[in-house]
């Protein structure tokens, strides 16, 4: 039986098209429920403003670290980190190239954008 591989795409500093406070509350809730459920994706790819969630001061660092401990690979776009001057502020995940992010998507049976 083939194992199902899922990639989550996080390209916003939060979840959904809402005000910042609500968007951050939604992503925190989503990640907390993911941990409680134990249904971890294979990869979570962060790019554009989504990279901010993986850096110093993010309200979801602890959740991301817990998810990373499960074996889920957190890929954080180096180009985006550089653009936002956050390359030295990453606290969860692995700094990755767009080739790495594309590989995760191509290696997955399902790709979900949050």
Protein backbone atom coordinates (compact mmCIF):
# COMPACT_ATOMS: atom_id res chain seq x y z
CA UNK A 1 0.00 0.00 0.00
CA UNK A 2 1.35 3.41 -0.99
CA UNK A 3 1.73 5.92 1.84
CA UNK A 4 -0.23 9.16 1.37
CA UNK A 5 2.02 12.24 1.38
CA UNK A 6 0.54 15.66 2.02
CA UNK A 7 2.10 19.10 1.70
CA UNK A 8 0.64 22.20 3.33
CA UNK A 9 1.41 25.58 1.79
CA UNK A 10 1.55 28.60 4.10
CA UNK A 11 2.01 31.78 2.09
CA UNK A 12 0.49 34.29 4.51
CA UNK A 13 1.44 35.48 7.97
CA UNK A 14 -1.54 33.60 9.35
CA UNK A 15 -4.44 31.74 7.80
CA UNK A 16 -7.16 33.00 5.50
CA UNK A 17 -7.95 36.48 4.23
CA UNK A 18 -8.79 38.14 7.53
CA UNK A 19 -7.46 40.86 9.77
CA UNK A 20 -4.00 40.06 11.15
CA UNK A 21 -5.20 39.19 14.65
CA UNK A 22 -7.87 36.77 13.41
CA UNK A 23 -5.55 35.28 10.79
CA UNK A 24 -2.92 34.51 13.46
CA UNK A 25 -5.57 33.08 15.78
CA UNK A 26 -6.78 30.77 12.99
CA UNK A 27 -3.30 29.40 12.18
CA UNK A 28 -2.54 28.85 15.86
CA UNK A 29 -5.80 26.94 16.26
CA UNK A 30 -5.15 24.90 13.10
CA UNK A 31 -1.64 23.92 14.23
CA UNK A 32 -2.81 23.10 17.78
CA UNK A 33 -5.57 20.85 16.42
CA UNK A 34 -3.08 19.19 14.07
CA UNK A 35 -0.90 18.32 17.07
CA UNK A 36 -3.87 17.07 19.11
CA UNK A 37 -5.14 14.97 16.20
CA UNK A 38 -1.69 13.60 15.33
CA UNK A 39 -2.44 13.76 11.61
CA UNK A 40 0.75 15.42 10.51
CA UNK A 41 1.46 16.37 6.91
CA UNK A 42 4.69 15.19 5.31
CA UNK A 43 5.78 18.76 4.56
CA UNK A 44 4.78 22.30 5.41
CA UNK A 45 6.19 24.83 2.96
CA UNK A 46 6.43 28.46 4.01
CA UNK A 47 6.93 31.21 1.47
CA UNK A 48 5.97 34.85 0.87
CA UNK A 49 4.75 36.33 4.19
CA UNK A 50 4.28 32.81 5.55
CA UNK A 51 7.99 32.67 6.42
CA UNK A 52 7.33 35.15 9.23
CA UNK A 53 5.55 32.39 11.16
CA UNK A 54 8.83 30.46 11.47
CA UNK A 55 10.89 33.32 12.86
CA UNK A 56 11.67 35.00 16.15
CA UNK A 57 8.58 36.48 17.79
CA UNK A 58 6.08 34.29 15.94
CA UNK A 59 3.07 33.27 18.07
CA UNK A 60 3.20 29.72 16.66
CA UNK A 61 6.88 28.78 17.15
CA UNK A 62 6.13 26.20 19.85
CA UNK A 63 3.47 24.51 17.72
CA UNK A 64 5.80 24.43 14.70
CA UNK A 65 8.60 22.92 16.78
CA UNK A 66 6.21 20.24 18.08
CA UNK A 67 5.07 19.44 14.53
CA UNK A 68 8.69 19.31 13.39
CA UNK A 69 9.47 16.79 16.16
CA UNK A 70 6.80 14.49 14.65
CA UNK A 71 8.96 14.12 11.53
CA UNK A 72 7.10 16.65 9.39
CA UNK A 73 9.57 18.65 7.31
CA UNK A 74 9.15 22.43 7.55
CA UNK A 75 10.65 24.09 4.47
CA UNK A 76 11.17 27.85 4.71
CA UNK A 77 11.90 29.84 1.55
CA UNK A 78 15.37 31.38 1.65
CA UNK A 79 14.52 34.02 -0.99
CA UNK A 80 11.56 35.19 1.10
CA UNK A 81 13.54 35.20 4.34
CA UNK A 82 16.21 37.29 2.65
CA UNK A 83 13.60 39.67 1.22
CA UNK A 84 12.12 40.28 4.69
CA UNK A 85 15.60 40.41 6.30
CA UNK A 86 14.75 37.38 8.48
CA UNK A 87 17.36 34.85 7.38
CA UNK A 88 19.11 34.93 10.76
CA UNK A 89 15.83 34.86 12.74
CA UNK A 90 14.51 31.39 11.81
CA UNK A 91 13.48 29.41 14.90
CA UNK A 92 11.61 26.50 13.31
CA UNK A 93 12.11 24.62 10.08
CA UNK A 94 14.86 24.34 7.53
CA UNK A 95 15.89 27.14 5.20
CA UNK A 96 15.11 25.83 1.72
CA UNK A 97 15.26 26.80 -1.92
CA UNK A 98 12.33 26.96 -4.32
CA UNK A 99 13.67 23.72 -5.81
CA UNK A 100 13.20 22.07 -2.39
CA UNK A 101 9.67 23.44 -2.12
CA UNK A 102 8.81 22.28 -5.64
CA UNK A 103 10.22 18.84 -4.83
CA UNK A 104 8.02 18.55 -1.74
CA UNK A 105 4.94 19.44 -3.79
CA UNK A 106 5.83 17.03 -6.59
CA UNK A 107 6.56 14.26 -4.07
CA UNK A 108 3.10 14.61 -2.49
CA UNK A 109 -0.24 13.04 -3.31
CA UNK A 110 -2.06 16.11 -2.00
CA UNK A 111 -1.11 19.80 -1.75
CA UNK A 112 -3.25 22.09 0.42
CA UNK A 113 -2.88 25.87 0.62
CA UNK A 114 -3.98 27.32 3.94
